Amino acid sequence: MNQQVVWPLAVYGALVIGLVAFMMIASWLLGQRSKGKVTGEPYESGMPVTGSAHVRLSAQYYLVAMFFVVFDLETIFVLAWALVAREVGWQGYVEIIVFLGMQALALGYLWRLGALDWALRRHHQKPREK
């Protein structure tokens, strides 16, 4: 590589590292030092800490996250197809129809399994009267 191209990058890098070092040293020299009883305590929005930080989340939370990722990616593919729809022609049209059909089948399968039912399920149902 040509040195005329590299030296401005080296100067910029040195200036950034120098600025960061200066800010950290100035903060350490000028900053307050407190050794109070609550200094090491976790602080969250001014609220006192209650309970454990280990919270169990239901599987529904993770299902929502997975659905979001799957259908967000679907949106990206459909938008990318829409941008080049004229260039890809009928072959691209058939491919996006197949893709959307597979997504619709997956959504129908999830719906049928009850994965999209967010209501609380009753485990003990009354027996049907004959």
N, C-alpha and C. Protein backbone atom coordinates (compact mmCIF):
# COMPACT_ATOMS: atom_id res chain seq x y z
N MET A 1 0.84 -1.20 0.00
CA MET A 1 0.00 0.00 0.00
C MET A 1 0.87 1.24 0.00
N ASN A 2 0.33 2.26 -0.52
CA ASN A 2 1.02 3.53 -0.60
C ASN A 2 1.02 4.22 0.77
N GLN A 3 2.15 4.77 1.16
CA GLN A 3 2.25 5.42 2.48
C GLN A 3 1.40 6.68 2.55
N GLN A 4 1.14 7.29 1.43
CA GLN A 4 0.29 8.48 1.43
C GLN A 4 -1.14 8.14 1.83
N VAL A 5 -1.54 6.92 1.62
CA VAL A 5 -2.89 6.50 1.97
C VAL A 5 -2.95 6.06 3.43
N VAL A 6 -1.89 5.46 3.97
CA VAL A 6 -1.91 4.85 5.29
C VAL A 6 -1.67 5.86 6.41
N TRP A 7 -0.82 6.85 6.21
CA TRP A 7 -0.44 7.72 7.33
C TRP A 7 -1.61 8.52 7.89
N PRO A 8 -2.58 9.02 7.11
CA PRO A 8 -3.71 9.72 7.76
C PRO A 8 -4.52 8.79 8.68
N LEU A 9 -4.66 7.53 8.28
CA LEU A 9 -5.36 6.57 9.12
C LEU A 9 -4.59 6.31 10.41
N ALA A 10 -3.28 6.23 10.32
CA ALA A 10 -2.44 6.02 11.51
C ALA A 10 -2.53 7.22 12.45
N VAL A 11 -2.50 8.43 11.89
CA VAL A 11 -2.61 9.64 12.72
C VAL A 11 -3.98 9.69 13.39
N TYR A 12 -5.03 9.38 12.64
CA TYR A 12 -6.37 9.37 13.20
C TYR A 12 -6.48 8.35 14.33
N GLY A 13 -5.98 7.15 14.12
CA GLY A 13 -6.00 6.13 15.15
C GLY A 13 -5.25 6.55 16.40
N ALA A 14 -4.07 7.17 16.22
CA ALA A 14 -3.28 7.64 17.36
C ALA A 14 -4.04 8.74 18.12
N LEU A 15 -4.69 9.64 17.39
CA LEU A 15 -5.46 10.70 18.04
C LEU A 15 -6.64 10.12 18.84
N VAL A 16 -7.31 9.15 18.29
CA VAL A 16 -8.44 8.53 18.99
C VAL A 16 -7.96 7.84 20.26
N ILE A 17 -6.90 7.06 20.16
CA ILE A 17 -6.36 6.37 21.33
C ILE A 17 -5.88 7.38 22.37
N GLY A 18 -5.23 8.47 21.94
CA GLY A 18 -4.78 9.51 22.86
C GLY A 18 -5.94 10.20 23.55
N LEU A 19 -7.00 10.50 22.81
CA LEU A 19 -8.17 11.15 23.39
C LEU A 19 -8.84 10.25 24.43
N VAL A 20 -8.99 8.98 24.12
CA VAL A 20 -9.61 8.04 25.06
C VAL A 20 -8.75 7.91 26.31
N ALA A 21 -7.43 7.81 26.13
CA ALA A 21 -6.53 7.71 27.28
C ALA A 21 -6.61 8.97 28.14
N PHE A 22 -6.64 10.14 27.50
CA PHE A 22 -6.75 11.40 28.24
C PHE A 22 -8.04 11.46 29.04
N MET A 23 -9.16 11.06 28.43
CA MET A 23 -10.45 11.12 29.13
C MET A 23 -10.49 10.15 30.31
N MET A 24 -9.90 8.97 30.15
CA MET A 24 -9.89 8.01 31.26
C MET A 24 -9.00 8.48 32.40
N ILE A 25 -7.84 9.03 32.09
CA ILE A 25 -6.93 9.52 33.12
C ILE A 25 -7.54 10.72 33.83
N ALA A 26 -8.14 11.65 33.07
CA ALA A 26 -8.78 12.83 33.67
C ALA A 26 -9.94 12.40 34.58
N SER A 27 -10.71 11.44 34.15
CA SER A 27 -11.81 10.94 34.98
C SER A 27 -11.29 10.33 36.27
N TRP A 28 -10.21 9.57 36.19
CA TRP A 28 -9.65 8.93 37.37
C TRP A 28 -9.06 9.97 38.33
N LEU A 29 -8.41 11.03 37.78
CA LEU A 29 -7.81 12.05 38.64
C LEU A 29 -8.85 12.99 39.25
N LEU A 30 -9.85 13.37 38.49
CA LEU A 30 -10.81 14.38 38.93
C LEU A 30 -12.08 13.79 39.56
N GLY A 31 -12.31 12.51 39.40
CA GLY A 31 -13.54 11.90 39.86
C GLY A 31 -13.60 11.74 41.37
N GLN A 32 -14.82 11.66 41.90
CA GLN A 32 -15.02 11.45 43.33
C GLN A 32 -14.78 10.00 43.68
N ARG A 33 -14.31 9.80 44.88
CA ARG A 33 -14.12 8.45 45.38
C ARG A 33 -15.00 8.26 46.61
N SER A 34 -15.83 7.26 46.54
CA SER A 34 -16.77 7.01 47.62
C SER A 34 -16.63 5.56 48.06
N LYS A 35 -16.47 5.35 49.35
CA LYS A 35 -16.35 4.00 49.90
C LYS A 35 -17.52 3.72 50.84
N GLY A 36 -18.70 4.18 50.48
CA GLY A 36 -19.87 4.00 51.33
C GLY A 36 -20.36 2.56 51.37
N LYS A 37 -21.31 2.31 52.28
CA LYS A 37 -21.84 0.97 52.48
C LYS A 37 -22.61 0.48 51.24
N VAL A 38 -23.30 1.38 50.56
CA VAL A 38 -24.12 0.97 49.43
C VAL A 38 -23.43 1.19 48.08
N THR A 39 -22.15 1.48 48.08
CA THR A 39 -21.45 1.73 46.82
C THR A 39 -21.48 0.52 45.91
N GLY A 40 -21.32 -0.66 46.45
CA GLY A 40 -21.29 -1.86 45.64
C GLY A 40 -22.64 -2.47 45.36
N GLU A 41 -23.71 -1.87 45.86
CA GLU A 41 -25.06 -2.41 45.65
C GLU A 41 -25.53 -2.13 44.23
N PRO A 42 -26.29 -3.04 43.65
CA PRO A 42 -26.86 -2.77 42.33
C PRO A 42 -27.91 -1.65 42.43
N TYR A 43 -27.96 -0.82 41.42
CA TYR A 43 -28.87 0.32 41.40
C TYR A 43 -29.67 0.26 40.11
N GLU A 44 -30.98 0.17 40.22
CA GLU A 44 -31.81 0.02 39.04
C GLU A 44 -32.94 1.04 39.10
N SER A 45 -32.83 2.13 38.40
CA SER A 45 -33.88 3.14 38.27
C SER A 45 -34.33 3.72 39.61
N GLY A 46 -33.45 3.80 40.57
CA GLY A 46 -33.79 4.39 41.85
C GLY A 46 -34.61 3.50 42.75
N MET A 47 -34.86 2.28 42.34
CA MET A 47 -35.68 1.36 43.13
C MET A 47 -34.77 0.45 43.95
N PRO A 48 -35.15 0.19 45.19
CA PRO A 48 -34.35 -0.76 45.97
C PRO A 48 -34.48 -2.16 45.40
N VAL A 49 -33.41 -2.92 45.55
CA VAL A 49 -33.38 -4.27 45.01
C VAL A 49 -34.27 -5.18 45.87
N THR A 50 -35.13 -5.93 45.21
CA THR A 50 -35.96 -6.89 45.92
C THR A 50 -35.90 -8.21 45.19
N GLY A 51 -35.70 -9.26 45.90
CA GLY A 51 -35.71 -10.59 45.30
C GLY A 51 -34.44 -10.91 44.53
N SER A 52 -34.50 -12.01 43.82
CA SER A 52 -33.37 -12.50 43.06
C SER A 52 -33.38 -11.93 41.65
N ALA A 53 -32.22 -11.85 41.07
CA ALA A 53 -32.11 -11.38 39.69
C ALA A 53 -32.41 -12.49 38.69
N HIS A 54 -32.51 -13.71 39.19
CA HIS A 54 -32.78 -14.85 38.33
C HIS A 54 -34.28 -15.04 38.23
N VAL A 55 -34.84 -14.59 37.11
CA VAL A 55 -36.28 -14.66 36.89
C VAL A 55 -36.54 -15.75 35.86
N ARG A 56 -37.48 -16.61 36.15
CA ARG A 56 -37.85 -17.64 35.19
C ARG A 56 -38.90 -17.08 34.24
N LEU A 57 -38.62 -17.19 32.97
CA LEU A 57 -39.56 -16.74 31.96
C LEU A 57 -40.25 -17.96 31.36
N SER A 58 -41.51 -17.79 31.01
CA SER A 58 -42.25 -18.91 30.44
C SER A 58 -41.78 -19.17 29.01
N ALA A 59 -42.11 -20.33 28.51
CA ALA A 59 -41.74 -20.69 27.15
C ALA A 59 -42.44 -19.79 26.14
N GLN A 60 -43.58 -19.23 26.51
CA GLN A 60 -44.30 -18.32 25.61
C GLN A 60 -43.44 -17.13 25.22
N TYR A 61 -42.63 -16.65 26.13
CA TYR A 61 -41.74 -15.53 25.86
C TYR A 61 -40.78 -15.87 24.72
N TYR A 62 -40.21 -17.06 24.78
CA TYR A 62 -39.27 -17.47 23.75
C TYR A 62 -39.97 -17.78 22.43
N LEU A 63 -41.20 -18.27 22.50
CA LEU A 63 -41.96 -18.50 21.28
C LEU A 63 -42.23 -17.20 20.55
N VAL A 64 -42.58 -16.16 21.29
CA VAL A 64 -42.81 -14.85 20.68
C VAL A 64 -41.53 -14.37 20.00
N ALA A 65 -40.40 -14.56 20.65
CA ALA A 65 -39.13 -14.14 20.07
C ALA A 65 -38.83 -14.90 18.79
N MET A 66 -39.07 -16.21 18.79
CA MET A 66 -38.82 -17.00 17.58
C MET A 66 -39.78 -16.62 16.46
N PHE A 67 -41.05 -16.41 16.78
CA PHE A 67 -42.01 -15.99 15.76
C PHE A 67 -41.59 -14.65 15.16
N PHE A 68 -41.13 -13.75 16.02
CA PHE A 68 -40.69 -12.45 15.52
C PHE A 68 -39.55 -12.61 14.53
N VAL A 69 -38.56 -13.41 14.87
CA VAL A 69 -37.41 -13.60 13.98
C VAL A 69 -37.84 -14.22 12.67
N VAL A 70 -38.66 -15.27 12.73
CA VAL A 70 -39.09 -15.96 11.50
C VAL A 70 -39.87 -15.01 10.61
N PHE A 71 -40.85 -14.33 11.14
CA PHE A 71 -41.68 -13.49 10.30
C PHE A 71 -41.02 -12.17 9.95
N ASP A 72 -40.04 -11.74 10.71
CA ASP A 72 -39.25 -10.58 10.35
C ASP A 72 -38.37 -10.91 9.14
N LEU A 73 -37.77 -12.09 9.15
CA LEU A 73 -36.99 -12.52 8.00
C LEU A 73 -37.87 -12.68 6.76
N GLU A 74 -39.08 -13.16 6.97
CA GLU A 74 -40.01 -13.27 5.84
C GLU A 74 -40.25 -11.89 5.23
N THR A 75 -40.45 -10.90 6.06
CA THR A 75 -40.67 -9.54 5.57
C THR A 75 -39.48 -9.05 4.77
N ILE A 76 -38.27 -9.33 5.24
CA ILE A 76 -37.07 -8.90 4.53
C ILE A 76 -37.01 -9.55 3.15
N PHE A 77 -37.31 -10.87 3.06
CA PHE A 77 -37.27 -11.55 1.77
C PHE A 77 -38.33 -11.02 0.82
N VAL A 78 -39.51 -10.75 1.33
CA VAL A 78 -40.58 -10.24 0.46
C VAL A 78 -40.25 -8.84 -0.02
N LEU A 79 -39.71 -8.01 0.85
CA LEU A 79 -39.34 -6.65 0.41
C LEU A 79 -38.20 -6.69 -0.60
N ALA A 80 -37.23 -7.57 -0.40
CA ALA A 80 -36.14 -7.70 -1.37
C ALA A 80 -36.69 -8.17 -2.71
N TRP A 81 -37.63 -9.12 -2.68
CA TRP A 81 -38.25 -9.58 -3.93
C TRP A 81 -39.01 -8.44 -4.60
N ALA A 82 -39.72 -7.63 -3.81
CA ALA A 82 -40.50 -6.54 -4.37
C ALA A 82 -39.62 -5.52 -5.10
N LEU A 83 -38.40 -5.34 -4.61
CA LEU A 83 -37.49 -4.39 -5.25
C LEU A 83 -37.01 -4.87 -6.62
N VAL A 84 -36.92 -6.19 -6.80
CA VAL A 84 -36.38 -6.72 -8.05
C VAL A 84 -37.43 -7.54 -8.81
N ALA A 85 -38.70 -7.30 -8.54
CA ALA A 85 -39.77 -8.13 -9.11
C ALA A 85 -39.75 -8.11 -10.63
N ARG A 86 -39.51 -6.99 -11.25
CA ARG A 86 -39.53 -6.93 -12.72
C ARG A 86 -38.32 -7.64 -13.33
N GLU A 87 -37.18 -7.55 -12.66
CA GLU A 87 -35.98 -8.18 -13.20
C GLU A 87 -36.04 -9.71 -13.13
N VAL A 88 -36.64 -10.26 -12.07
CA VAL A 88 -36.66 -11.72 -11.91
C VAL A 88 -37.78 -12.38 -12.70
N GLY A 89 -38.76 -11.62 -13.11
CA GLY A 89 -39.81 -12.13 -13.98
C GLY A 89 -40.71 -13.16 -13.32
N TRP A 90 -41.27 -14.05 -14.17
CA TRP A 90 -42.23 -15.03 -13.69
C TRP A 90 -41.59 -16.07 -12.78
N GLN A 91 -40.35 -16.41 -13.02
CA GLN A 91 -39.68 -17.39 -12.16
C GLN A 91 -39.60 -16.86 -10.73
N GLY A 92 -39.26 -15.60 -10.56
CA GLY A 92 -39.21 -14.99 -9.24
C GLY A 92 -40.59 -14.92 -8.60
N TYR A 93 -41.61 -14.67 -9.45
CA TYR A 93 -42.98 -14.61 -8.94
C TYR A 93 -43.40 -15.98 -8.39
N VAL A 94 -43.10 -17.04 -9.12
CA VAL A 94 -43.45 -18.39 -8.68
C VAL A 94 -42.69 -18.72 -7.39
N GLU A 95 -41.43 -18.34 -7.33
CA GLU A 95 -40.63 -18.64 -6.14
C GLU A 95 -41.16 -17.92 -4.90
N ILE A 96 -41.57 -16.66 -5.05
CA ILE A 96 -42.09 -15.93 -3.87
C ILE A 96 -43.45 -16.50 -3.46
N ILE A 97 -44.23 -16.98 -4.42
CA ILE A 97 -45.51 -17.61 -4.09
C ILE A 97 -45.26 -18.90 -3.31
N VAL A 98 -44.28 -19.70 -3.74
CA VAL A 98 -43.94 -20.93 -3.02
C VAL A 98 -43.45 -20.58 -1.61
N PHE A 99 -42.60 -19.57 -1.51
CA PHE A 99 -42.08 -19.15 -0.20
C PHE A 99 -43.20 -18.71 0.73
N LEU A 100 -44.10 -17.87 0.22
CA LEU A 100 -45.22 -17.40 1.05
C LEU A 100 -46.16 -18.54 1.39
N GLY A 101 -46.33 -19.49 0.48
CA GLY A 101 -47.16 -20.66 0.78
C GLY A 101 -46.57 -21.49 1.90
N MET A 102 -45.25 -21.68 1.88
CA MET A 102 -44.60 -22.42 2.96
C MET A 102 -44.74 -21.68 4.28
N GLN A 103 -44.63 -20.37 4.25
CA GLN A 103 -44.80 -19.59 5.48
C GLN A 103 -46.23 -19.69 5.99
N ALA A 104 -47.20 -19.67 5.07
CA ALA A 104 -48.60 -19.80 5.48
C ALA A 104 -48.86 -21.18 6.08
N LEU A 105 -48.27 -22.23 5.49
CA LEU A 105 -48.41 -23.57 6.06
C LEU A 105 -47.80 -23.65 7.45
N ALA A 106 -46.63 -23.04 7.63
CA ALA A 106 -45.99 -23.03 8.94
C ALA A 106 -46.84 -22.29 9.97
N LEU A 107 -47.41 -21.15 9.57
CA LEU A 107 -48.27 -20.40 10.47
C LEU A 107 -49.52 -21.21 10.82
N GLY A 108 -50.11 -21.89 9.82
CA GLY A 108 -51.26 -22.74 10.09
C GLY A 108 -50.93 -23.89 11.03
N TYR A 109 -49.76 -24.47 10.85
CA TYR A 109 -49.32 -25.56 11.73
C TYR A 109 -49.16 -25.07 13.16
N LEU A 110 -48.53 -23.90 13.33
CA LEU A 110 -48.36 -23.34 14.67
C LEU A 110 -49.71 -23.02 15.30
N TRP A 111 -50.61 -22.49 14.49
CA TRP A 111 -51.94 -22.16 14.99
C TRP A 111 -52.67 -23.42 15.45
N ARG A 112 -52.57 -24.47 14.64
CA ARG A 112 -53.25 -25.72 14.98
C ARG A 112 -52.66 -26.36 16.25
N LEU A 113 -51.36 -26.23 16.44
CA LEU A 113 -50.74 -26.75 17.65
C LEU A 113 -51.14 -25.97 18.90
N GLY A 114 -51.63 -24.76 18.70
CA GLY A 114 -52.00 -23.92 19.83
C GLY A 114 -50.85 -23.05 20.29
N ALA A 115 -49.80 -22.94 19.50
CA ALA A 115 -48.65 -22.12 19.89
C ALA A 115 -48.99 -20.63 19.89
N LEU A 116 -50.03 -20.27 19.19
CA LEU A 116 -50.42 -18.85 19.14
C LEU A 116 -51.52 -18.51 20.13
N ASP A 117 -51.92 -19.47 20.95
CA ASP A 117 -52.97 -19.26 21.95
C ASP A 117 -52.32 -18.76 23.23
N TRP A 118 -52.50 -17.49 23.52
CA TRP A 118 -51.82 -16.90 24.68
C TRP A 118 -52.68 -16.94 25.94
N ALA A 119 -53.92 -17.39 25.82
CA ALA A 119 -54.79 -17.47 27.00
C ALA A 119 -54.30 -18.59 27.91
N LEU A 120 -54.59 -18.44 29.19
CA LEU A 120 -54.21 -19.48 30.13
C LEU A 120 -55.06 -20.72 29.85
N ARG A 121 -54.39 -21.84 29.78
CA ARG A 121 -55.10 -23.08 29.53
C ARG A 121 -55.54 -23.70 30.85
N ARG A 122 -56.72 -24.25 30.83
CA ARG A 122 -57.21 -24.95 32.01
C ARG A 122 -56.81 -26.41 31.91
N HIS A 123 -56.11 -26.87 32.91
CA HIS A 123 -55.66 -28.26 32.90
C HIS A 123 -56.77 -29.22 33.31
N HIS A 124 -57.66 -28.74 34.13
CA HIS A 124 -58.73 -29.58 34.64
C HIS A 124 -60.05 -29.13 34.04
N GLN A 125 -60.48 -29.79 32.99
CA GLN A 125 -61.75 -29.45 32.38
C GLN A 125 -62.84 -30.35 32.94
N LYS A 126 -64.03 -29.81 33.00
CA LYS A 126 -65.15 -30.58 33.48
C LYS A 126 -65.48 -31.69 32.48
N PRO A 127 -65.80 -32.87 32.98
CA PRO A 127 -66.19 -33.96 32.05
C PRO A 127 -67.51 -33.63 31.39
N ARG A 128 -67.65 -34.04 30.16
CA ARG A 128 -68.88 -33.79 29.41
C ARG A 128 -70.01 -34.68 29.94
N GLU A 129 -71.18 -34.11 30.01
CA GLU A 129 -72.34 -34.88 30.43
C GLU A 129 -72.93 -35.59 29.23
N LYS A 130 -73.38 -36.83 29.46
CA LYS A 130 -73.94 -37.63 28.36
C LYS A 130 -75.43 -37.49 28.29
